[in-house]
Amino acid sequence: MKTIMLVCSAGMSTSLLVSKMQKAAEAQNIEADIFAVPQSEVDSMLGKKNIDVLLLGPQVRYMQAQFEKKLQGKNIPVDSINMQHYGLMNGERVLEQALKLIDTK
């Protein structure tokens, strides 16, 4: 089971991307727990779940260094979602990005 957390400012727009990523995962027979949270709930969620990767929505990508510092030593890769993939709600490509990050940790 891969656990993928998406972070955005309010967790609303990213929720649509989550559903597209879940469909892509199902189509590839990949067991994945994919969910979105607002940036204000990241700390709480990190205490509840074992996260494999954290992806930031384009609207909060300026926080990448902050999250990298916070997660340093926890073996949780952090990256920003490609703006084009986010804009097109391309769940397949964002899932691919997440899985590559998980494979490299």
PDB file of N, CA and C in Angstrom:
ATOM      1  N   MET A   1       0.843  -1.188   0.000  1.00  0.00           N
ATOM      2  CA  MET A   1       0.000   0.000   0.000  1.00  0.00           C
ATOM      3  C   MET A   1       0.882   1.243   0.000  1.00  0.00           C
ATOM      4  N   LYS A   2       0.663   2.089  -0.976  1.00  0.00           N
ATOM      5  CA  LYS A   2       1.376   3.363  -1.064  1.00  0.00           C
ATOM      6  C   LYS A   2       0.474   4.450  -0.480  1.00  0.00           C
ATOM      7  N   THR A   3       1.044   5.271   0.378  1.00  0.00           N
ATOM      8  CA  THR A   3       0.275   6.357   0.973  1.00  0.00           C
ATOM      9  C   THR A   3       0.798   7.679   0.426  1.00  0.00           C
ATOM     10  N   ILE A   4      -0.073   8.359  -0.288  1.00  0.00           N
ATOM     11  CA  ILE A   4       0.308   9.588  -0.991  1.00  0.00           C
ATOM     12  C   ILE A   4      -0.532  10.739  -0.442  1.00  0.00           C
ATOM     13  N   MET A   5       0.146  11.741   0.077  1.00  0.00           N
ATOM     14  CA  MET A   5      -0.555  12.908   0.612  1.00  0.00           C
ATOM     15  C   MET A   5      -0.326  14.102  -0.300  1.00  0.00           C
ATOM     16  N   LEU A   6      -1.420  14.696  -0.728  1.00  0.00           N
ATOM     17  CA  LEU A   6      -1.363  15.923  -1.512  1.00  0.00           C
ATOM     18  C   LEU A   6      -1.703  17.077  -0.584  1.00  0.00           C
ATOM     19  N   VAL A   7      -0.995  18.164  -0.754  1.00  0.00           N
ATOM     20  CA  VAL A   7      -1.206  19.326   0.106  1.00  0.00           C
ATOM     21  C   VAL A   7      -1.519  20.535  -0.760  1.00  0.00           C
ATOM     22  N   CYS A   8      -2.556  21.249  -0.393  1.00  0.00           N
ATOM     23  CA  CYS A   8      -2.848  22.510  -1.080  1.00  0.00           C
ATOM     24  C   CYS A   8      -3.321  23.512  -0.041  1.00  0.00           C
ATOM     25  N   SER A   9      -3.767  24.653  -0.473  1.00  0.00           N
ATOM     26  CA  SER A   9      -4.112  25.688   0.497  1.00  0.00           C
ATOM     27  C   SER A   9      -5.379  25.334   1.275  1.00  0.00           C
ATOM     28  N   ALA A  10      -6.388  24.785   0.606  1.00  0.00           N
ATOM     29  CA  ALA A  10      -7.628  24.454   1.301  1.00  0.00           C
ATOM     30  C   ALA A  10      -8.032  22.988   1.161  1.00  0.00           C
ATOM     31  N   GLY A  11      -7.361  22.233   0.289  1.00  0.00           N
ATOM     32  CA  GLY A  11      -7.695  20.828   0.105  1.00  0.00           C
ATOM     33  C   GLY A  11      -8.881  20.592  -0.808  1.00  0.00           C
ATOM     34  N   MET A  12      -9.404  21.660  -1.397  1.00  0.00           N
ATOM     35  CA  MET A  12     -10.604  21.526  -2.220  1.00  0.00           C
ATOM     36  C   MET A  12     -10.272  21.111  -3.660  1.00  0.00           C
ATOM     37  N   SER A  13      -9.511  21.923  -4.353  1.00  0.00           N
ATOM     38  CA  SER A  13      -9.217  21.628  -5.756  1.00  0.00           C
ATOM     39  C   SER A  13      -8.408  20.355  -5.892  1.00  0.00           C
ATOM     40  N   THR A  14      -7.577  20.071  -4.920  1.00  0.00           N
ATOM     41  CA  THR A  14      -6.747  18.881  -4.980  1.00  0.00           C
ATOM     42  C   THR A  14      -7.586  17.621  -4.825  1.00  0.00           C
ATOM     43  N   SER A  15      -8.750  17.725  -4.230  1.00  0.00           N
ATOM     44  CA  SER A  15      -9.611  16.560  -4.054  1.00  0.00           C
ATOM     45  C   SER A  15     -10.021  15.955  -5.390  1.00  0.00           C
ATOM     46  N   LEU A  16     -10.239  16.789  -6.381  1.00  0.00           N
ATOM     47  CA  LEU A  16     -10.573  16.272  -7.714  1.00  0.00           C
ATOM     48  C   LEU A  16      -9.388  15.495  -8.279  1.00  0.00           C
ATOM     49  N   LEU A  17      -8.198  16.015  -8.067  1.00  0.00           N
ATOM     50  CA  LEU A  17      -7.007  15.315  -8.535  1.00  0.00           C
ATOM     51  C   LEU A  17      -6.851  13.974  -7.825  1.00  0.00           C
ATOM     52  N   VAL A  18      -7.191  13.932  -6.550  1.00  0.00           N
ATOM     53  CA  VAL A  18      -7.127  12.680  -5.790  1.00  0.00           C
ATOM     54  C   VAL A  18      -7.996  11.619  -6.450  1.00  0.00           C
ATOM     55  N   SER A  19      -9.213  11.978  -6.816  1.00  0.00           N
ATOM     56  CA  SER A  19     -10.104  10.981  -7.424  1.00  0.00           C
ATOM     57  C   SER A  19      -9.554  10.495  -8.760  1.00  0.00           C
ATOM     58  N   LYS A  20      -8.936  11.383  -9.514  1.00  0.00           N
ATOM     59  CA  LYS A  20      -8.340  10.973 -10.800  1.00  0.00           C
ATOM     60  C   LYS A  20      -7.127  10.074 -10.559  1.00  0.00           C
ATOM     61  N   MET A  21      -6.350  10.376  -9.523  1.00  0.00           N
ATOM     62  CA  MET A  21      -5.197   9.529  -9.203  1.00  0.00           C
ATOM     63  C   MET A  21      -5.656   8.149  -8.728  1.00  0.00           C
ATOM     64  N   GLN A  22      -6.727   8.104  -7.949  1.00  0.00           N
ATOM     65  CA  GLN A  22      -7.239   6.817  -7.466  1.00  0.00           C
ATOM     66  C   GLN A  22      -7.715   5.960  -8.631  1.00  0.00           C
ATOM     67  N   LYS A  23      -8.369   6.574  -9.598  1.00  0.00           N
ATOM     68  CA  LYS A  23      -8.806   5.822 -10.784  1.00  0.00           C
ATOM     69  C   LYS A  23      -7.611   5.287 -11.548  1.00  0.00           C
ATOM     70  N   ALA A  24      -6.562   6.107 -11.663  1.00  0.00           N
ATOM     71  CA  ALA A  24      -5.352   5.666 -12.364  1.00  0.00           C
ATOM     72  C   ALA A  24      -4.689   4.508 -11.618  1.00  0.00           C
ATOM     73  N   ALA A  25      -4.667   4.590 -10.295  1.00  0.00           N
ATOM     74  CA  ALA A  25      -4.067   3.521  -9.488  1.00  0.00           C
ATOM     75  C   ALA A  25      -4.859   2.227  -9.645  1.00  0.00           C
ATOM     76  N   GLU A  26      -6.172   2.329  -9.604  1.00  0.00           N
ATOM     77  CA  GLU A  26      -7.023   1.136  -9.770  1.00  0.00           C
ATOM     78  C   GLU A  26      -6.803   0.507 -11.129  1.00  0.00           C
ATOM     79  N   ALA A  27      -6.677   1.333 -12.149  1.00  0.00           N
ATOM     80  CA  ALA A  27      -6.470   0.816 -13.510  1.00  0.00           C
ATOM     81  C   ALA A  27      -5.151   0.071 -13.625  1.00  0.00           C
ATOM     82  N   GLN A  28      -4.185   0.429 -12.777  1.00  0.00           N
ATOM     83  CA  GLN A  28      -2.866  -0.213 -12.809  1.00  0.00           C
ATOM     84  C   GLN A  28      -2.708  -1.258 -11.694  1.00  0.00           C
ATOM     85  N   ASN A  29      -3.805  -1.560 -10.999  1.00  0.00           N
ATOM     86  CA  ASN A  29      -3.781  -2.514  -9.884  1.00  0.00           C
ATOM     87  C   ASN A  29      -2.754  -2.135  -8.819  1.00  0.00           C
ATOM     88  N   ILE A  30      -2.689  -0.856  -8.512  1.00  0.00           N
ATOM     89  CA  ILE A  30      -1.787  -0.358  -7.477  1.00  0.00           C
ATOM     90  C   ILE A  30      -2.631  -0.018  -6.251  1.00  0.00           C
ATOM     91  N   GLU A  31      -2.267  -0.616  -5.118  1.00  0.00           N
ATOM     92  CA  GLU A  31      -2.965  -0.282  -3.877  1.00  0.00           C
ATOM     93  C   GLU A  31      -2.408   1.030  -3.355  1.00  0.00           C
ATOM     94  N   ALA A  32      -3.263   2.021  -3.277  1.00  0.00           N
ATOM     95  CA  ALA A  32      -2.795   3.333  -2.857  1.00  0.00           C
ATOM     96  C   ALA A  32      -3.852   4.031  -2.011  1.00  0.00           C
ATOM     97  N   ASP A  33      -3.366   4.657  -0.954  1.00  0.00           N
ATOM     98  CA  ASP A  33      -4.194   5.538  -0.125  1.00  0.00           C
ATOM     99  C   ASP A  33      -3.788   6.954  -0.507  1.00  0.00           C
ATOM    100  N   ILE A  34      -4.631   7.608  -1.268  1.00  0.00           N
ATOM    101  CA  ILE A  34      -4.320   8.943  -1.778  1.00  0.00           C
ATOM    102  C   ILE A  34      -5.332   9.912  -1.181  1.00  0.00           C
ATOM    103  N   PHE A  35      -4.835  10.972  -0.588  1.00  0.00           N
ATOM    104  CA  PHE A  35      -5.744  11.930   0.028  1.00  0.00           C
ATOM    105  C   PHE A  35      -5.135  13.326  -0.022  1.00  0.00           C
ATOM    106  N   ALA A  36      -5.994  14.309   0.147  1.00  0.00           N
ATOM    107  CA  ALA A  36      -5.556  15.709   0.113  1.00  0.00           C
ATOM    108  C   ALA A  36      -5.895  16.378   1.435  1.00  0.00           C
ATOM    109  N   VAL A  37      -4.995  17.230   1.873  1.00  0.00           N
ATOM    110  CA  VAL A  37      -5.236  17.997   3.093  1.00  0.00           C
ATOM    111  C   VAL A  37      -4.809  19.441   2.864  1.00  0.00           C
ATOM    112  N   PRO A  38      -5.414  20.355   3.590  1.00  0.00           N
ATOM    113  CA  PRO A  38      -4.906  21.726   3.549  1.00  0.00           C
ATOM    114  C   PRO A  38      -3.569  21.779   4.287  1.00  0.00           C
ATOM    115  N   GLN A  39      -2.733  22.737   3.929  1.00  0.00           N
ATOM    116  CA  GLN A  39      -1.398  22.804   4.528  1.00  0.00           C
ATOM    117  C   GLN A  39      -1.446  22.936   6.043  1.00  0.00           C
ATOM    118  N   SER A  40      -2.522  23.472   6.564  1.00  0.00           N
ATOM    119  CA  SER A  40      -2.648  23.648   8.016  1.00  0.00           C
ATOM    120  C   SER A  40      -2.834  22.320   8.753  1.00  0.00           C
ATOM    121  N   GLU A  41      -3.185  21.234   8.027  1.00  0.00           N
ATOM    122  CA  GLU A  41      -3.433  19.941   8.669  1.00  0.00           C
ATOM    123  C   GLU A  41      -2.323  18.923   8.439  1.00  0.00           C
ATOM    124  N   VAL A  42      -1.242  19.341   7.808  1.00  0.00           N
ATOM    125  CA  VAL A  42      -0.158  18.397   7.502  1.00  0.00           C
ATOM    126  C   VAL A  42       0.419  17.782   8.772  1.00  0.00           C
ATOM    127  N   ASP A  43       0.723  18.600   9.761  1.00  0.00           N
ATOM    128  CA  ASP A  43       1.320  18.072  10.990  1.00  0.00           C
ATOM    129  C   ASP A  43       0.423  17.035  11.655  1.00  0.00           C
ATOM    130  N   SER A  44      -0.845  17.324  11.696  1.00  0.00           N
ATOM    131  CA  SER A  44      -1.797  16.391  12.300  1.00  0.00           C
ATOM    132  C   SER A  44      -1.833  15.071  11.531  1.00  0.00           C
ATOM    133  N   MET A  45      -1.848  15.162  10.224  1.00  0.00           N
ATOM    134  CA  MET A  45      -1.919  13.952   9.395  1.00  0.00           C
ATOM    135  C   MET A  45      -0.633  13.123   9.484  1.00  0.00           C
ATOM    136  N   LEU A  46       0.496  13.803   9.610  1.00  0.00           N
ATOM    137  CA  LEU A  46       1.771  13.074   9.739  1.00  0.00           C
ATOM    138  C   LEU A  46       1.799  12.252  11.024  1.00  0.00           C
ATOM    139  N   GLY A  47       1.062  12.689  12.020  1.00  0.00           N
ATOM    140  CA  GLY A  47       0.992  11.937  13.261  1.00  0.00           C
ATOM    141  C   GLY A  47       0.040  10.764  13.203  1.00  0.00           C
ATOM    142  N   LYS A  48      -0.850  10.765  12.218  1.00  0.00           N
ATOM    143  CA  LYS A  48      -1.871   9.721  12.121  1.00  0.00           C
ATOM    144  C   LYS A  48      -1.522   8.621  11.119  1.00  0.00           C
ATOM    145  N   LYS A  49      -0.799   8.983  10.060  1.00  0.00           N
ATOM    146  CA  LYS A  49      -0.551   8.014   8.981  1.00  0.00           C
ATOM    147  C   LYS A  49       0.932   7.933   8.653  1.00  0.00           C
ATOM    148  N   ASN A  50       1.335   6.789   8.127  1.00  0.00           N
ATOM    149  CA  ASN A  50       2.688   6.630   7.607  1.00  0.00           C
ATOM    150  C   ASN A  50       2.670   7.040   6.138  1.00  0.00           C
ATOM    151  N   ILE A  51       3.175   8.210   5.863  1.00  0.00           N
ATOM    152  CA  ILE A  51       3.135   8.783   4.525  1.00  0.00           C
ATOM    153  C   ILE A  51       4.356   8.323   3.731  1.00  0.00           C
ATOM    154  N   ASP A  52       4.138   7.919   2.492  1.00  0.00           N
ATOM    155  CA  ASP A  52       5.254   7.529   1.623  1.00  0.00           C
ATOM    156  C   ASP A  52       5.792   8.700   0.820  1.00  0.00           C
ATOM    157  N   VAL A  53       4.912   9.645   0.484  1.00  0.00           N
ATOM    158  CA  VAL A  53       5.341  10.800  -0.300  1.00  0.00           C
ATOM    159  C   VAL A  53       4.372  11.957  -0.063  1.00  0.00           C
ATOM    160  N   LEU A  54       4.918  13.167  -0.106  1.00  0.00           N
ATOM    161  CA  LEU A  54       4.103  14.373   0.061  1.00  0.00           C
ATOM    162  C   LEU A  54       4.265  15.221  -1.197  1.00  0.00           C
ATOM    163  N   LEU A  55       3.154  15.503  -1.846  1.00  0.00           N
ATOM    164  CA  LEU A  55       3.182  16.334  -3.051  1.00  0.00           C
ATOM    165  C   LEU A  55       2.420  17.630  -2.784  1.00  0.00           C
ATOM    166  N   LEU A  56       3.039  18.728  -3.171  1.00  0.00           N
ATOM    167  CA  LEU A  56       2.446  20.046  -2.954  1.00  0.00           C
ATOM    168  C   LEU A  56       1.749  20.536  -4.211  1.00  0.00           C
ATOM    169  N   GLY A  57       0.553  21.076  -4.042  1.00  0.00           N
ATOM    170  CA  GLY A  57      -0.132  21.710  -5.152  1.00  0.00           C
ATOM    171  C   GLY A  57       0.623  22.964  -5.559  1.00  0.00           C
ATOM    172  N   PRO A  58       0.464  23.386  -6.810  1.00  0.00           N
ATOM    173  CA  PRO A  58       1.198  24.565  -7.288  1.00  0.00           C
ATOM    174  C   PRO A  58       0.974  25.810  -6.433  1.00  0.00           C
ATOM    175  N   GLN A  59      -0.196  25.958  -5.848  1.00  0.00           N
ATOM    176  CA  GLN A  59      -0.484  27.157  -5.060  1.00  0.00           C
ATOM    177  C   GLN A  59       0.288  27.215  -3.744  1.00  0.00           C
ATOM    178  N   VAL A  60       0.839  26.087  -3.301  1.00  0.00           N
ATOM    179  CA  VAL A  60       1.628  26.087  -2.055  1.00  0.00           C
ATOM    180  C   VAL A  60       3.053  25.585  -2.287  1.00  0.00           C
ATOM    181  N   ARG A  61       3.483  25.567  -3.529  1.00  0.00           N
ATOM    182  CA  ARG A  61       4.825  25.042  -3.807  1.00  0.00           C
ATOM    183  C   ARG A  61       5.920  25.887  -3.144  1.00  0.00           C
ATOM    184  N   TYR A  62       5.612  27.126  -2.820  1.00  0.00           N
ATOM    185  CA  TYR A  62       6.589  27.964  -2.121  1.00  0.00           C
ATOM    186  C   TYR A  62       6.937  27.388  -0.747  1.00  0.00           C
ATOM    187  N   MET A  63       6.144  26.443  -0.265  1.00  0.00           N
ATOM    188  CA  MET A  63       6.391  25.849   1.051  1.00  0.00           C
ATOM    189  C   MET A  63       7.268  24.595   0.983  1.00  0.00           C
ATOM    190  N   GLN A  64       7.745  24.252  -0.216  1.00  0.00           N
ATOM    191  CA  GLN A  64       8.487  23.005  -0.385  1.00  0.00           C
ATOM    192  C   GLN A  64       9.702  22.927   0.544  1.00  0.00           C
ATOM    193  N   ALA A  65      10.505  23.975   0.595  1.00  0.00           N
ATOM    194  CA  ALA A  65      11.702  23.949   1.450  1.00  0.00           C
ATOM    195  C   ALA A  65      11.319  23.774   2.919  1.00  0.00           C
ATOM    196  N   GLN A  66      10.236  24.400   3.311  1.00  0.00           N
ATOM    197  CA  GLN A  66       9.753  24.288   4.702  1.00  0.00           C
ATOM    198  C   GLN A  66       9.391  22.833   5.032  1.00  0.00           C
ATOM    199  N   PHE A  67       8.673  22.175   4.114  1.00  0.00           N
ATOM    200  CA  PHE A  67       8.287  20.786   4.359  1.00  0.00           C
ATOM    201  C   PHE A  67       9.491  19.845   4.266  1.00  0.00           C
ATOM    202  N   GLU A  68      10.397  20.130   3.349  1.00  0.00           N
ATOM    203  CA  GLU A  68      11.607  19.293   3.253  1.00  0.00           C
ATOM    204  C   GLU A  68      12.387  19.343   4.561  1.00  0.00           C
ATOM    205  N   LYS A  69      12.491  20.525   5.130  1.00  0.00           N
ATOM    206  CA  LYS A  69      13.208  20.675   6.394  1.00  0.00           C
ATOM    207  C   LYS A  69      12.473  19.932   7.509  1.00  0.00           C
ATOM    208  N   LYS A  70      11.161  20.078   7.529  1.00  0.00           N
ATOM    209  CA  LYS A  70      10.354  19.431   8.566  1.00  0.00           C
ATOM    210  C   LYS A  70      10.441  17.905   8.489  1.00  0.00           C
ATOM    211  N   LEU A  71      10.518  17.373   7.257  1.00  0.00           N
ATOM    212  CA  LEU A  71      10.507  15.919   7.075  1.00  0.00           C
ATOM    213  C   LEU A  71      11.901  15.318   6.924  1.00  0.00           C
ATOM    214  N   GLN A  72      12.899  16.143   7.088  1.00  0.00           N
ATOM    215  CA  GLN A  72      14.273  15.669   6.979  1.00  0.00           C
ATOM    216  C   GLN A  72      14.503  14.530   7.981  1.00  0.00           C
ATOM    217  N   GLY A  73      15.072  13.435   7.498  1.00  0.00           N
ATOM    218  CA  GLY A  73      15.355  12.287   8.351  1.00  0.00           C
ATOM    219  C   GLY A  73      14.187  11.335   8.507  1.00  0.00           C
ATOM    220  N   LYS A  74      13.028  11.665   7.928  1.00  0.00           N
ATOM    221  CA  LYS A  74      11.855  10.787   8.037  1.00  0.00           C
ATOM    222  C   LYS A  74      11.643   9.946   6.780  1.00  0.00           C
ATOM    223  N   ASN A  75      12.514  10.113   5.804  1.00  0.00           N
ATOM    224  CA  ASN A  75      12.432   9.329   4.570  1.00  0.00           C
ATOM    225  C   ASN A  75      11.097   9.518   3.853  1.00  0.00           C
ATOM    226  N   ILE A  76      10.622  10.743   3.837  1.00  0.00           N
ATOM    227  CA  ILE A  76       9.393  11.085   3.110  1.00  0.00           C
ATOM    228  C   ILE A  76       9.765  12.127   2.064  1.00  0.00           C
ATOM    229  N   PRO A  77       9.829  11.714   0.790  1.00  0.00           N
ATOM    230  CA  PRO A  77      10.160  12.701  -0.236  1.00  0.00           C
ATOM    231  C   PRO A  77       9.065  13.757  -0.391  1.00  0.00           C
ATOM    232  N   VAL A  78       9.505  14.970  -0.726  1.00  0.00           N
ATOM    233  CA  VAL A  78       8.591  16.099  -0.920  1.00  0.00           C
ATOM    234  C   VAL A  78       8.863  16.683  -2.297  1.00  0.00           C
ATOM    235  N   ASP A  79       7.805  16.960  -3.027  1.00  0.00           N
ATOM    236  CA  ASP A  79       7.974  17.601  -4.330  1.00  0.00           C
ATOM    237  C   ASP A  79       6.707  18.392  -4.644  1.00  0.00           C
ATOM    238  N   SER A  80       6.826  19.270  -5.619  1.00  0.00           N
ATOM    239  CA  SER A  80       5.666  20.016  -6.094  1.00  0.00           C
ATOM    240  C   SER A  80       5.070  19.300  -7.298  1.00  0.00           C
ATOM    241  N   ILE A  81       3.774  19.329  -7.384  1.00  0.00           N
ATOM    242  CA  ILE A  81       3.088  18.732  -8.523  1.00  0.00           C
ATOM    243  C   ILE A  81       3.343  19.598  -9.747  1.00  0.00           C
ATOM    244  N   ASN A  82       3.684  18.959 -10.836  1.00  0.00           N
ATOM    245  CA  ASN A  82       3.887  19.662 -12.094  1.00  0.00           C
ATOM    246  C   ASN A  82       2.647  20.516 -12.390  1.00  0.00           C
ATOM    247  N   MET A  83       2.864  21.799 -12.658  1.00  0.00           N
ATOM    248  CA  MET A  83       1.746  22.726 -12.835  1.00  0.00           C
ATOM    249  C   MET A  83       0.837  22.328 -14.000  1.00  0.00           C
ATOM    250  N   GLN A  84       1.437  21.866 -15.079  1.00  0.00           N
ATOM    251  CA  GLN A  84       0.629  21.452 -16.232  1.00  0.00           C
ATOM    252  C   GLN A  84      -0.224  20.227 -15.884  1.00  0.00           C
ATOM    253  N   HIS A  85       0.366  19.269 -15.212  1.00  0.00           N
ATOM    254  CA  HIS A  85      -0.383  18.065 -14.830  1.00  0.00           C
ATOM    255  C   HIS A  85      -1.500  18.414 -13.850  1.00  0.00           C
ATOM    256  N   TYR A  86      -1.197  19.351 -12.965  1.00  0.00           N
ATOM    257  CA  TYR A  86      -2.214  19.793 -12.001  1.00  0.00           C
ATOM    258  C   TYR A  86      -3.348  20.501 -12.739  1.00  0.00           C
ATOM    259  N   GLY A  87      -2.985  21.407 -13.626  1.00  0.00           N
ATOM    260  CA  GLY A  87      -3.991  22.177 -14.362  1.00  0.00           C
ATOM    261  C   GLY A  87      -4.905  21.302 -15.199  1.00  0.00           C
ATOM    262  N   LEU A  88      -4.342  20.242 -15.753  1.00  0.00           N
ATOM    263  CA  LEU A  88      -5.126  19.321 -16.574  1.00  0.00           C
ATOM    264  C   LEU A  88      -5.779  18.223 -15.740  1.00  0.00           C
ATOM    265  N   MET A  89      -5.511  18.245 -14.428  1.00  0.00           N
ATOM    266  CA  MET A  89      -6.003  17.200 -13.518  1.00  0.00           C
ATOM    267  C   MET A  89      -5.627  15.815 -14.061  1.00  0.00           C
ATOM    268  N   ASN A  90      -4.368  15.695 -14.448  1.00  0.00           N
ATOM    269  CA  ASN A  90      -3.876  14.448 -15.028  1.00  0.00           C
ATOM    270  C   ASN A  90      -3.433  13.503 -13.904  1.00  0.00           C
ATOM    271  N   GLY A  91      -4.387  12.759 -13.400  1.00  0.00           N
ATOM    272  CA  GLY A  91      -4.125  11.863 -12.282  1.00  0.00           C
ATOM    273  C   GLY A  91      -3.077  10.813 -12.592  1.00  0.00           C
ATOM    274  N   GLU A  92      -3.058  10.347 -13.816  1.00  0.00           N
ATOM    275  CA  GLU A  92      -2.095   9.311 -14.202  1.00  0.00           C
ATOM    276  C   GLU A  92      -0.659   9.826 -14.080  1.00  0.00           C
ATOM    277  N   ARG A  93      -0.414  11.031 -14.562  1.00  0.00           N
ATOM    278  CA  ARG A  93       0.946  11.587 -14.528  1.00  0.00           C
ATOM    279  C   ARG A  93       1.371  11.960 -13.103  1.00  0.00           C
ATOM    280  N   VAL A  94       0.440  12.465 -12.319  1.00  0.00           N
ATOM    281  CA  VAL A  94       0.788  12.825 -10.939  1.00  0.00           C
ATOM    282  C   VAL A  94       1.042  11.551 -10.123  1.00  0.00           C
ATOM    283  N   LEU A  95       0.259  10.509 -10.378  1.00  0.00           N
ATOM    284  CA  LEU A  95       0.510   9.223  -9.721  1.00  0.00           C
ATOM    285  C   LEU A  95       1.896   8.712 -10.100  1.00  0.00           C
ATOM    286  N   GLU A  96       2.226   8.819 -11.363  1.00  0.00           N
ATOM    287  CA  GLU A  96       3.544   8.401 -11.844  1.00  0.00           C
ATOM    288  C   GLU A  96       4.647   9.171 -11.109  1.00  0.00           C
ATOM    289  N   GLN A  97       4.465  10.471 -10.943  1.00  0.00           N
ATOM    290  CA  GLN A  97       5.438  11.301 -10.218  1.00  0.00           C
ATOM    291  C   GLN A  97       5.582  10.799  -8.779  1.00  0.00           C
ATOM    292  N   ALA A  98       4.470  10.533  -8.132  1.00  0.00           N
ATOM    293  CA  ALA A  98       4.501  10.072  -6.740  1.00  0.00           C
ATOM    294  C   ALA A  98       5.222   8.728  -6.626  1.00  0.00           C
ATOM    295  N   LEU A  99       4.912   7.808  -7.528  1.00  0.00           N
ATOM    296  CA  LEU A  99       5.524   6.478  -7.466  1.00  0.00           C
ATOM    297  C   LEU A  99       7.029   6.535  -7.719  1.00  0.00           C
ATOM    298  N   LYS A 100       7.457   7.411  -8.616  1.00  0.00           N
ATOM    299  CA  LYS A 100       8.896   7.577  -8.867  1.00  0.00           C
ATOM    300  C   LYS A 100       9.593   8.082  -7.611  1.00  0.00           C
ATOM    301  N   LEU A 101       8.982   9.033  -6.934  1.00  0.00           N
ATOM    302  CA  LEU A 101       9.576   9.564  -5.700  1.00  0.00           C
ATOM    303  C   LEU A 101       9.656   8.487  -4.625  1.00  0.00           C
ATOM    304  N   ILE A 102       8.627   7.667  -4.540  1.00  0.00           N
ATOM    305  CA  ILE A 102       8.632   6.582  -3.547  1.00  0.00           C
ATOM    306  C   ILE A 102       9.739   5.586  -3.882  1.00  0.00           C
ATOM    307  N   ASP A 103       9.910   5.280  -5.139  1.00  0.00           N
ATOM    308  CA  ASP A 103      10.941   4.322  -5.561  1.00  0.00           C
ATOM    309  C   ASP A 103      12.354   4.834  -5.303  1.00  0.00           C
ATOM    310  N   THR A 104      12.541   6.142  -5.276  1.00  0.00           N
ATOM    311  CA  THR A 104      13.889   6.689  -5.101  1.00  0.00           C
ATOM    312  C   THR A 104      14.254   6.927  -3.640  1.00  0.00           C
ATOM    313  N   LYS A 105      13.318   6.721  -2.739  1.00  0.00           N
ATOM    314  CA  LYS A 105      13.660   7.002  -1.329  1.00  0.00           C
ATOM    315  C   LYS A 105      14.386   5.844  -0.687  1.00  0.00           C
TER     316      LYS A 105
END
